[in-house]
């Protein structure tokens, strides 16, 4: 368990408490949960993005299953913009990218 995480010791009690909540309280609880999940997702994406920089050569699987290669153009809030070798631009989740060659590894002639 992570040091900053909280463990619900008695899940049955939590379930029973939720069952007693009214609609307004359930909607509020839902809002809190959705916001927390978004925050966790954003933190994960930010952490994954630290492995990439502009100019890196990367690859990823397209929606049709084909393997595409390209160069990182920009690090967005949740995605990485990649210019593929076939001339298209994709916004890709950093979790789906694999580094082929770091921008710092290129040798200029």
Protein backbone atom coordinates (compact mmCIF):
# COMPACT_ATOMS: atom_id res chain seq x y z
CA UNK A 1 0.00 0.00 0.00
CA UNK A 2 1.26 3.48 -0.82
CA UNK A 3 2.16 5.67 2.20
CA UNK A 4 -0.44 8.34 1.35
CA UNK A 5 -3.27 5.90 0.62
CA UNK A 6 -6.14 5.08 2.93
CA UNK A 7 -7.44 1.54 3.33
CA UNK A 8 -11.12 1.01 4.02
CA UNK A 9 -10.90 -1.48 6.86
CA UNK A 10 -14.50 -2.49 6.86
CA UNK A 11 -15.91 -2.47 3.34
CA UNK A 12 -19.19 -3.92 4.50
CA UNK A 13 -19.75 -0.91 6.76
CA UNK A 14 -18.86 1.43 3.89
CA UNK A 15 -21.36 -0.34 1.60
CA UNK A 16 -24.06 -0.09 4.27
CA UNK A 17 -23.35 3.62 4.78
CA UNK A 18 -23.61 4.23 1.03
CA UNK A 19 -26.92 2.37 0.92
CA UNK A 20 -28.34 4.82 3.46
CA UNK A 21 -27.30 7.94 1.52
CA UNK A 22 -29.90 9.95 -0.33
CA UNK A 23 -29.73 10.97 -3.97
CA UNK A 24 -28.14 14.36 -3.30
CA UNK A 25 -25.42 12.85 -1.11
CA UNK A 26 -24.77 10.07 -3.64
CA UNK A 27 -24.38 12.61 -6.45
CA UNK A 28 -21.93 14.59 -4.31
CA UNK A 29 -19.98 11.43 -3.47
CA UNK A 30 -19.93 10.48 -7.14
CA UNK A 31 -18.53 13.92 -8.03
CA UNK A 32 -15.77 13.51 -5.45
CA UNK A 33 -14.89 10.03 -6.74
CA UNK A 34 -14.83 11.11 -10.40
CA UNK A 35 -12.61 14.10 -9.60
CA UNK A 36 -10.22 11.91 -7.59
CA UNK A 37 -10.01 9.37 -10.45
CA UNK A 38 -9.26 12.17 -12.92
CA UNK A 39 -6.50 13.46 -10.65
CA UNK A 40 -4.95 9.99 -10.37
CA UNK A 41 -5.14 9.52 -14.14
CA UNK A 42 -3.55 12.92 -14.79
CA UNK A 43 -0.74 12.18 -12.32
CA UNK A 44 -0.06 8.85 -14.03
CA UNK A 45 0.02 10.47 -17.49
CA UNK A 46 2.33 13.22 -16.24
CA UNK A 47 4.69 10.66 -14.74
CA UNK A 48 4.73 8.64 -17.96
CA UNK A 49 5.34 11.77 -20.04
CA UNK A 50 8.56 12.52 -18.18
CA UNK A 51 10.08 9.68 -20.20
CA UNK A 52 9.65 11.62 -23.45
CA UNK A 53 10.97 14.88 -24.85
CA UNK A 54 10.36 16.80 -28.04
CA UNK A 55 12.26 15.19 -30.91
CA UNK A 56 12.26 11.66 -29.48
CA UNK A 57 11.65 8.84 -31.94
CA UNK A 58 8.77 6.66 -30.73
CA UNK A 59 6.50 3.87 -31.88
CA UNK A 60 2.94 2.85 -31.00
CA UNK A 61 0.13 0.60 -32.22
CA UNK A 62 -2.60 2.34 -34.21
CA UNK A 63 -6.26 1.49 -33.70
CA UNK A 64 -6.07 -1.00 -36.59
CA UNK A 65 -3.16 -2.80 -34.91
CA UNK A 66 -0.43 -1.55 -37.24
CA UNK A 67 2.85 -0.37 -35.74
CA UNK A 68 3.57 3.29 -36.43
CA UNK A 69 6.78 5.21 -35.88
CA UNK A 70 7.28 8.92 -35.61
CA UNK A 71 8.76 11.87 -33.77
CA UNK A 72 7.40 13.58 -30.64
CA UNK A 73 6.19 17.05 -31.55
CA UNK A 74 4.66 18.20 -28.29
CA UNK A 75 3.80 17.04 -24.77
CA UNK A 76 0.16 17.95 -24.13
CA UNK A 77 -1.77 17.81 -20.88
CA UNK A 78 -2.84 14.16 -21.26
CA UNK A 79 -1.35 13.05 -24.57
CA UNK A 80 1.79 13.26 -26.69
CA UNK A 81 1.54 14.68 -30.22
CA UNK A 82 3.45 12.46 -32.64
CA UNK A 83 4.22 13.14 -36.32
CA UNK A 84 4.32 9.71 -37.96
CA UNK A 85 6.52 8.74 -40.87
CA UNK A 86 3.46 8.53 -43.14
CA UNK A 87 2.82 12.27 -42.68
CA UNK A 88 -0.04 12.09 -40.18
CA UNK A 89 -0.24 13.54 -36.69
CA UNK A 90 -1.56 11.57 -33.74
CA UNK A 91 -2.32 12.46 -30.13
CA UNK A 92 -1.29 9.35 -28.20
CA UNK A 93 -1.52 8.37 -24.56
CA UNK A 94 2.03 8.21 -23.17
CA UNK A 95 1.23 4.72 -21.84
CA UNK A 96 0.98 3.48 -25.44
CA UNK A 97 4.30 4.94 -26.61
CA UNK A 98 7.65 3.14 -26.73
CA UNK A 99 10.89 5.09 -27.03
CA UNK A 100 13.01 4.06 -30.02
CA UNK A 101 15.66 6.77 -29.85
CA UNK A 102 16.01 9.73 -27.53
CA UNK A 103 16.35 13.17 -29.10
CA UNK A 104 19.63 13.55 -27.21
CA UNK A 105 21.03 10.42 -28.89
CA UNK A 106 20.93 11.86 -32.41
CA UNK A 107 24.31 12.64 -33.91
CA UNK A 108 24.38 15.54 -36.33
CA UNK A 109 26.76 15.34 -39.28
